[in-house]
Amino acid sequence: MSSAKIAISLDPKDLRQIDRLVRAGRFPSRSRLLQDALHEKLQRLDRSRLAEECAKLSPAEERSLANEEFRAEAKWSEY
């Protein structure tokens, strides 16, 4: 996997915590920890997108639209 270098600014407290995790062997490097954390956050955002879109829906309006469709189906003539 190719990667690109970027520069970021971190709170010193966060950087100390990152360094503790690397020293403890939880991650091989600062870069790897940040890559994993960013990847996890992006995945979580992708999964929550559907929930966010659903939250924009009005249950009453959706129910009304569904009922309209059912009424329309009931009016079909038989073949």
PDB file of N, CA and C in Angstrom:
ATOM      1  N   MET A   1       0.841  -1.168   0.000  1.00  0.00           N
ATOM      2  CA  MET A   1       0.000   0.000   0.000  1.00  0.00           C
ATOM      3  C   MET A   1       0.890   1.235   0.000  1.00  0.00           C
ATOM      4  N   SER A   2       0.664   2.118  -0.931  1.00  0.00           N
ATOM      5  CA  SER A   2       1.431   3.350  -0.934  1.00  0.00           C
ATOM      6  C   SER A   2       0.800   4.332   0.038  1.00  0.00           C
ATOM      7  N   SER A   3       1.595   5.242   0.520  1.00  0.00           N
ATOM      8  CA  SER A   3       1.065   6.227   1.452  1.00  0.00           C
ATOM      9  C   SER A   3       1.691   7.579   1.156  1.00  0.00           C
ATOM     10  N   ALA A   4       1.019   8.610   1.614  1.00  0.00           N
ATOM     11  CA  ALA A   4       1.492   9.973   1.430  1.00  0.00           C
ATOM     12  C   ALA A   4       1.807  10.562   2.788  1.00  0.00           C
ATOM     13  N   LYS A   5       2.822  11.367   2.833  1.00  0.00           N
ATOM     14  CA  LYS A   5       3.184  12.025   4.081  1.00  0.00           C
ATOM     15  C   LYS A   5       2.393  13.313   4.223  1.00  0.00           C
ATOM     16  N   ILE A   6       1.940  13.546   5.457  1.00  0.00           N
ATOM     17  CA  ILE A   6       1.266  14.799   5.776  1.00  0.00           C
ATOM     18  C   ILE A   6       1.811  15.303   7.106  1.00  0.00           C
ATOM     19  N   ALA A   7       1.593  16.545   7.382  1.00  0.00           N
ATOM     20  CA  ALA A   7       1.986  17.103   8.674  1.00  0.00           C
ATOM     21  C   ALA A   7       0.707  17.460   9.426  1.00  0.00           C
ATOM     22  N   ILE A   8       0.664  17.101  10.699  1.00  0.00           N
ATOM     23  CA  ILE A   8      -0.494  17.451  11.528  1.00  0.00           C
ATOM     24  C   ILE A   8       0.001  18.041  12.844  1.00  0.00           C
ATOM     25  N   SER A   9      -0.863  18.781  13.465  1.00  0.00           N
ATOM     26  CA  SER A   9      -0.567  19.334  14.786  1.00  0.00           C
ATOM     27  C   SER A   9      -1.391  18.563  15.808  1.00  0.00           C
ATOM     28  N   LEU A  10      -0.738  18.183  16.892  1.00  0.00           N
ATOM     29  CA  LEU A  10      -1.413  17.434  17.949  1.00  0.00           C
ATOM     30  C   LEU A  10      -1.248  18.132  19.283  1.00  0.00           C
ATOM     31  N   ASP A  11      -2.218  17.935  20.128  1.00  0.00           N
ATOM     32  CA  ASP A  11      -2.131  18.401  21.499  1.00  0.00           C
ATOM     33  C   ASP A  11      -1.005  17.619  22.177  1.00  0.00           C
ATOM     34  N   PRO A  12      -0.151  18.288  22.933  1.00  0.00           N
ATOM     35  CA  PRO A  12       0.959  17.578  23.593  1.00  0.00           C
ATOM     36  C   PRO A  12       0.502  16.397  24.455  1.00  0.00           C
ATOM     37  N   LYS A  13      -0.638  16.536  25.114  1.00  0.00           N
ATOM     38  CA  LYS A  13      -1.156  15.447  25.941  1.00  0.00           C
ATOM     39  C   LYS A  13      -1.475  14.226  25.076  1.00  0.00           C
ATOM     40  N   ASP A  14      -2.095  14.452  23.918  1.00  0.00           N
ATOM     41  CA  ASP A  14      -2.396  13.347  23.009  1.00  0.00           C
ATOM     42  C   ASP A  14      -1.116  12.697  22.496  1.00  0.00           C
ATOM     43  N   LEU A  15      -0.130  13.514  22.174  1.00  0.00           N
ATOM     44  CA  LEU A  15       1.132  12.969  21.678  1.00  0.00           C
ATOM     45  C   LEU A  15       1.812  12.115  22.745  1.00  0.00           C
ATOM     46  N   ARG A  16       1.765  12.549  23.998  1.00  0.00           N
ATOM     47  CA  ARG A  16       2.349  11.732  25.083  1.00  0.00           C
ATOM     48  C   ARG A  16       1.631  10.392  25.197  1.00  0.00           C
ATOM     49  N   GLN A  17       0.309  10.427  25.050  1.00  0.00           N
ATOM     50  CA  GLN A  17      -0.450   9.174  25.134  1.00  0.00           C
ATOM     51  C   GLN A  17      -0.104   8.264  23.953  1.00  0.00           C
ATOM     52  N   ILE A  18       0.034   8.839  22.767  1.00  0.00           N
ATOM     53  CA  ILE A  18       0.431   8.063  21.582  1.00  0.00           C
ATOM     54  C   ILE A  18       1.790   7.416  21.827  1.00  0.00           C
ATOM     55  N   ASP A  19       2.732   8.207  22.321  1.00  0.00           N
ATOM     56  CA  ASP A  19       4.069   7.679  22.572  1.00  0.00           C
ATOM     57  C   ASP A  19       4.051   6.562  23.618  1.00  0.00           C
ATOM     58  N   ARG A  20       3.199   6.691  24.641  1.00  0.00           N
ATOM     59  CA  ARG A  20       3.089   5.621  25.647  1.00  0.00           C
ATOM     60  C   ARG A  20       2.587   4.329  25.006  1.00  0.00           C
ATOM     61  N   LEU A  21       1.605   4.446  24.121  1.00  0.00           N
ATOM     62  CA  LEU A  21       1.067   3.253  23.454  1.00  0.00           C
ATOM     63  C   LEU A  21       2.110   2.600  22.549  1.00  0.00           C
ATOM     64  N   VAL A  22       2.895   3.403  21.876  1.00  0.00           N
ATOM     65  CA  VAL A  22       3.956   2.860  21.011  1.00  0.00           C
ATOM     66  C   VAL A  22       5.024   2.184  21.869  1.00  0.00           C
ATOM     67  N   ARG A  23       5.454   2.848  22.944  1.00  0.00           N
ATOM     68  CA  ARG A  23       6.470   2.251  23.839  1.00  0.00           C
ATOM     69  C   ARG A  23       5.978   0.946  24.451  1.00  0.00           C
ATOM     70  N   ALA A  24       4.677   0.870  24.725  1.00  0.00           N
ATOM     71  CA  ALA A  24       4.105  -0.340  25.331  1.00  0.00           C
ATOM     72  C   ALA A  24       3.939  -1.461  24.305  1.00  0.00           C
ATOM     73  N   GLY A  25       4.224  -1.175  23.048  1.00  0.00           N
ATOM     74  CA  GLY A  25       4.136  -2.198  22.013  1.00  0.00           C
ATOM     75  C   GLY A  25       2.741  -2.390  21.445  1.00  0.00           C
ATOM     76  N   ARG A  26       1.811  -1.499  21.770  1.00  0.00           N
ATOM     77  CA  ARG A  26       0.447  -1.617  21.239  1.00  0.00           C
ATOM     78  C   ARG A  26       0.398  -1.290  19.755  1.00  0.00           C
ATOM     79  N   PHE A  27       1.326  -0.447  19.310  1.00  0.00           N
ATOM     80  CA  PHE A  27       1.447  -0.071  17.897  1.00  0.00           C
ATOM     81  C   PHE A  27       2.920  -0.006  17.564  1.00  0.00           C
ATOM     82  N   PRO A  28       3.277  -0.321  16.314  1.00  0.00           N
ATOM     83  CA  PRO A  28       4.695  -0.305  15.959  1.00  0.00           C
ATOM     84  C   PRO A  28       5.266   1.108  15.815  1.00  0.00           C
ATOM     85  N   SER A  29       4.397   2.090  15.565  1.00  0.00           N
ATOM     86  CA  SER A  29       4.877   3.454  15.366  1.00  0.00           C
ATOM     87  C   SER A  29       3.740   4.450  15.548  1.00  0.00           C
ATOM     88  N   ARG A  30       4.114   5.708  15.668  1.00  0.00           N
ATOM     89  CA  ARG A  30       3.109   6.767  15.723  1.00  0.00           C
ATOM     90  C   ARG A  30       2.262   6.755  14.456  1.00  0.00           C
ATOM     91  N   SER A  31       2.952   6.619  13.329  1.00  0.00           N
ATOM     92  CA  SER A  31       2.245   6.642  12.045  1.00  0.00           C
ATOM     93  C   SER A  31       1.185   5.557  11.969  1.00  0.00           C
ATOM     94  N   ARG A  32       1.564   4.357  12.400  1.00  0.00           N
ATOM     95  CA  ARG A  32       0.614   3.246  12.321  1.00  0.00           C
ATOM     96  C   ARG A  32      -0.593   3.486  13.224  1.00  0.00           C
ATOM     97  N   LEU A  33      -0.354   3.997  14.422  1.00  0.00           N
ATOM     98  CA  LEU A  33      -1.448   4.289  15.326  1.00  0.00           C
ATOM     99  C   LEU A  33      -2.401   5.305  14.697  1.00  0.00           C
ATOM    100  N   LEU A  34      -1.853   6.375  14.145  1.00  0.00           N
ATOM    101  CA  LEU A  34      -2.691   7.406  13.536  1.00  0.00           C
ATOM    102  C   LEU A  34      -3.399   6.896  12.285  1.00  0.00           C
ATOM    103  N   GLN A  35      -2.728   6.071  11.490  1.00  0.00           N
ATOM    104  CA  GLN A  35      -3.379   5.475  10.311  1.00  0.00           C
ATOM    105  C   GLN A  35      -4.571   4.622  10.731  1.00  0.00           C
ATOM    106  N   ASP A  36      -4.347   3.762  11.734  1.00  0.00           N
ATOM    107  CA  ASP A  36      -5.429   2.889  12.205  1.00  0.00           C
ATOM    108  C   ASP A  36      -6.590   3.701  12.785  1.00  0.00           C
ATOM    109  N   ALA A  37      -6.263   4.727  13.573  1.00  0.00           N
ATOM    110  CA  ALA A  37      -7.306   5.541  14.194  1.00  0.00           C
ATOM    111  C   ALA A  37      -8.116   6.281  13.132  1.00  0.00           C
ATOM    112  N   LEU A  38      -7.445   6.830  12.152  1.00  0.00           N
ATOM    113  CA  LEU A  38      -8.137   7.551  11.089  1.00  0.00           C
ATOM    114  C   LEU A  38      -8.995   6.612  10.256  1.00  0.00           C
ATOM    115  N   HIS A  39      -8.466   5.447   9.944  1.00  0.00           N
ATOM    116  CA  HIS A  39      -9.224   4.465   9.169  1.00  0.00           C
ATOM    117  C   HIS A  39     -10.497   4.052   9.928  1.00  0.00           C
ATOM    118  N   GLU A  40     -10.340   3.784  11.222  1.00  0.00           N
ATOM    119  CA  GLU A  40     -11.484   3.389  12.041  1.00  0.00           C
ATOM    120  C   GLU A  40     -12.541   4.495  12.086  1.00  0.00           C
ATOM    121  N   LYS A  41     -12.104   5.732  12.243  1.00  0.00           N
ATOM    122  CA  LYS A  41     -13.042   6.853  12.291  1.00  0.00           C
ATOM    123  C   LYS A  41     -13.776   7.010  10.955  1.00  0.00           C
ATOM    124  N   LEU A  42     -13.068   6.889   9.844  1.00  0.00           N
ATOM    125  CA  LEU A  42     -13.697   7.011   8.524  1.00  0.00           C
ATOM    126  C   LEU A  42     -14.709   5.892   8.288  1.00  0.00           C
ATOM    127  N   GLN A  43     -14.378   4.683   8.722  1.00  0.00           N
ATOM    128  CA  GLN A  43     -15.317   3.564   8.600  1.00  0.00           C
ATOM    129  C   GLN A  43     -16.573   3.823   9.415  1.00  0.00           C
ATOM    130  N   ARG A  44     -16.400   4.329  10.624  1.00  0.00           N
ATOM    131  CA  ARG A  44     -17.537   4.620  11.494  1.00  0.00           C
ATOM    132  C   ARG A  44     -18.433   5.699  10.880  1.00  0.00           C
ATOM    133  N   LEU A  45     -17.830   6.706  10.279  1.00  0.00           N
ATOM    134  CA  LEU A  45     -18.608   7.757   9.625  1.00  0.00           C
ATOM    135  C   LEU A  45     -19.408   7.204   8.452  1.00  0.00           C
ATOM    136  N   ASP A  46     -18.802   6.307   7.687  1.00  0.00           N
ATOM    137  CA  ASP A  46     -19.522   5.691   6.570  1.00  0.00           C
ATOM    138  C   ASP A  46     -20.726   4.899   7.067  1.00  0.00           C
ATOM    139  N   ARG A  47     -20.549   4.158   8.160  1.00  0.00           N
ATOM    140  CA  ARG A  47     -21.648   3.346   8.686  1.00  0.00           C
ATOM    141  C   ARG A  47     -22.762   4.208   9.280  1.00  0.00           C
ATOM    142  N   SER A  48     -22.396   5.347   9.830  1.00  0.00           N
ATOM    143  CA  SER A  48     -23.414   6.185  10.464  1.00  0.00           C
ATOM    144  C   SER A  48     -24.167   7.061   9.464  1.00  0.00           C
ATOM    145  N   ARG A  49     -23.694   7.116   8.232  1.00  0.00           N
ATOM    146  CA  ARG A  49     -24.336   7.962   7.229  1.00  0.00           C
ATOM    147  C   ARG A  49     -25.785   7.551   6.991  1.00  0.00           C
ATOM    148  N   LEU A  50     -26.058   6.257   6.903  1.00  0.00           N
ATOM    149  CA  LEU A  50     -27.420   5.774   6.697  1.00  0.00           C
ATOM    150  C   LEU A  50     -28.326   6.198   7.849  1.00  0.00           C
ATOM    151  N   ALA A  51     -27.838   6.058   9.067  1.00  0.00           N
ATOM    152  CA  ALA A  51     -28.633   6.450  10.228  1.00  0.00           C
ATOM    153  C   ALA A  51     -28.927   7.947  10.209  1.00  0.00           C
ATOM    154  N   GLU A  52     -27.951   8.736   9.801  1.00  0.00           N
ATOM    155  CA  GLU A  52     -28.157  10.184   9.720  1.00  0.00           C
ATOM    156  C   GLU A  52     -29.212  10.533   8.683  1.00  0.00           C
ATOM    157  N   GLU A  53     -29.170   9.860   7.550  1.00  0.00           N
ATOM    158  CA  GLU A  53     -30.155  10.120   6.499  1.00  0.00           C
ATOM    159  C   GLU A  53     -31.549   9.678   6.953  1.00  0.00           C
ATOM    160  N   CYS A  54     -31.636   8.553   7.622  1.00  0.00           N
ATOM    161  CA  CYS A  54     -32.930   8.073   8.111  1.00  0.00           C
ATOM    162  C   CYS A  54     -33.505   9.024   9.153  1.00  0.00           C
ATOM    163  N   ALA A  55     -32.640   9.628   9.945  1.00  0.00           N
ATOM    164  CA  ALA A  55     -33.108  10.557  10.979  1.00  0.00           C
ATOM    165  C   ALA A  55     -33.758  11.787  10.367  1.00  0.00           C
ATOM    166  N   LYS A  56     -33.444  12.091   9.113  1.00  0.00           N
ATOM    167  CA  LYS A  56     -34.029  13.249   8.446  1.00  0.00           C
ATOM    168  C   LYS A  56     -35.461  12.981   7.986  1.00  0.00           C
ATOM    169  N   LEU A  57     -35.847  11.707   7.940  1.00  0.00           N
ATOM    170  CA  LEU A  57     -37.179  11.353   7.464  1.00  0.00           C
ATOM    171  C   LEU A  57     -38.232  11.652   8.525  1.00  0.00           C
ATOM    172  N   SER A  58     -39.399  11.973   8.059  1.00  0.00           N
ATOM    173  CA  SER A  58     -40.534  12.196   8.956  1.00  0.00           C
ATOM    174  C   SER A  58     -41.361  10.915   8.979  1.00  0.00           C
ATOM    175  N   PRO A  59     -41.460  10.254  10.122  1.00  0.00           N
ATOM    176  CA  PRO A  59     -42.239   9.015  10.183  1.00  0.00           C
ATOM    177  C   PRO A  59     -43.682   9.207   9.716  1.00  0.00           C
ATOM    178  N   ALA A  60     -44.298  10.315  10.085  1.00  0.00           N
ATOM    179  CA  ALA A  60     -45.695  10.561   9.682  1.00  0.00           C
ATOM    180  C   ALA A  60     -45.794  10.715   8.164  1.00  0.00           C
ATOM    181  N   GLU A  61     -44.855  11.426   7.584  1.00  0.00           N
ATOM    182  CA  GLU A  61     -44.874  11.612   6.127  1.00  0.00           C
ATOM    183  C   GLU A  61     -44.620  10.295   5.400  1.00  0.00           C
ATOM    184  N   GLU A  62     -43.680   9.504   5.901  1.00  0.00           N
ATOM    185  CA  GLU A  62     -43.391   8.212   5.288  1.00  0.00           C
ATOM    186  C   GLU A  62     -44.602   7.284   5.378  1.00  0.00           C
ATOM    187  N   ARG A  63     -45.287   7.303   6.526  1.00  0.00           N
ATOM    188  CA  ARG A  63     -46.474   6.476   6.707  1.00  0.00           C
ATOM    189  C   ARG A  63     -47.568   6.912   5.737  1.00  0.00           C
ATOM    190  N   SER A  64     -47.728   8.214   5.583  1.00  0.00           N
ATOM    191  CA  SER A  64     -48.733   8.749   4.676  1.00  0.00           C
ATOM    192  C   SER A  64     -48.444   8.330   3.234  1.00  0.00           C
ATOM    193  N   LEU A  65     -47.196   8.430   2.830  1.00  0.00           N
ATOM    194  CA  LEU A  65     -46.818   8.018   1.470  1.00  0.00           C
ATOM    195  C   LEU A  65     -47.056   6.523   1.264  1.00  0.00           C
ATOM    196  N   ALA A  66     -46.720   5.717   2.268  1.00  0.00           N
ATOM    197  CA  ALA A  66     -46.934   4.272   2.164  1.00  0.00           C
ATOM    198  C   ALA A  66     -48.422   3.963   2.057  1.00  0.00           C
ATOM    199  N   ASN A  67     -49.244   4.646   2.837  1.00  0.00           N
ATOM    200  CA  ASN A  67     -50.687   4.416   2.781  1.00  0.00           C
ATOM    201  C   ASN A  67     -51.258   4.807   1.425  1.00  0.00           C
ATOM    202  N   GLU A  68     -50.743   5.871   0.824  1.00  0.00           N
ATOM    203  CA  GLU A  68     -51.184   6.265  -0.518  1.00  0.00           C
ATOM    204  C   GLU A  68     -50.912   5.149  -1.518  1.00  0.00           C
ATOM    205  N   GLU A  69     -49.743   4.543  -1.414  1.00  0.00           N
ATOM    206  CA  GLU A  69     -49.385   3.456  -2.327  1.00  0.00           C
ATOM    207  C   GLU A  69     -50.307   2.264  -2.133  1.00  0.00           C
ATOM    208  N   PHE A  70     -50.619   1.934  -0.877  1.00  0.00           N
ATOM    209  CA  PHE A  70     -51.513   0.806  -0.617  1.00  0.00           C
ATOM    210  C   PHE A  70     -52.910   1.077  -1.169  1.00  0.00           C
ATOM    211  N   ARG A  71     -53.391   2.288  -1.024  1.00  0.00           N
ATOM    212  CA  ARG A  71     -54.708   2.638  -1.555  1.00  0.00           C
ATOM    213  C   ARG A  71     -54.697   2.540  -3.075  1.00  0.00           C
ATOM    214  N   ALA A  72     -53.628   2.987  -3.696  1.00  0.00           N
ATOM    215  CA  ALA A  72     -53.528   2.931  -5.155  1.00  0.00           C
ATOM    216  C   ALA A  72     -53.517   1.480  -5.635  1.00  0.00           C
ATOM    217  N   GLU A  73     -52.827   0.628  -4.906  1.00  0.00           N
ATOM    218  CA  GLU A  73     -52.775  -0.783  -5.280  1.00  0.00           C
ATOM    219  C   GLU A  73     -54.154  -1.435  -5.141  1.00  0.00           C
ATOM    220  N   ALA A  74     -54.905  -1.019  -4.149  1.00  0.00           N
ATOM    221  CA  ALA A  74     -56.225  -1.620  -3.925  1.00  0.00           C
ATOM    222  C   ALA A  74     -57.197  -1.264  -5.055  1.00  0.00           C
ATOM    223  N   LYS A  75     -56.947  -0.211  -5.802  1.00  0.00           N
ATOM    224  CA  LYS A  75     -57.851   0.239  -6.856  1.00  0.00           C
ATOM    225  C   LYS A  75     -57.571  -0.444  -8.212  1.00  0.00           C
ATOM    226  N   TRP A  76     -56.556  -1.262  -8.269  1.00  0.00           N
ATOM    227  CA  TRP A  76     -56.232  -1.908  -9.540  1.00  0.00           C
ATOM    228  C   TRP A  76     -57.353  -2.870  -9.927  1.00  0.00           C
ATOM    229  N   SER A  77     -57.625  -2.890 -11.186  1.00  0.00           N
ATOM    230  CA  SER A  77     -58.648  -3.835 -11.647  1.00  0.00           C
ATOM    231  C   SER A  77     -58.012  -5.224 -11.758  1.00  0.00           C
ATOM    232  N   GLU A  78     -58.871  -6.232 -11.648  1.00  0.00           N
ATOM    233  CA  GLU A  78     -58.363  -7.598 -11.752  1.00  0.00           C
ATOM    234  C   GLU A  78     -58.228  -7.980 -13.210  1.00  0.00           C
ATOM    235  N   TYR A  79     -57.328  -8.868 -13.484  1.00  0.00           N
ATOM    236  CA  TYR A  79     -57.075  -9.300 -14.873  1.00  0.00           C
ATOM    237  C   TYR A  79     -57.917 -10.473 -15.226  1.00  0.00           C
TER     238      TYR A  79
END
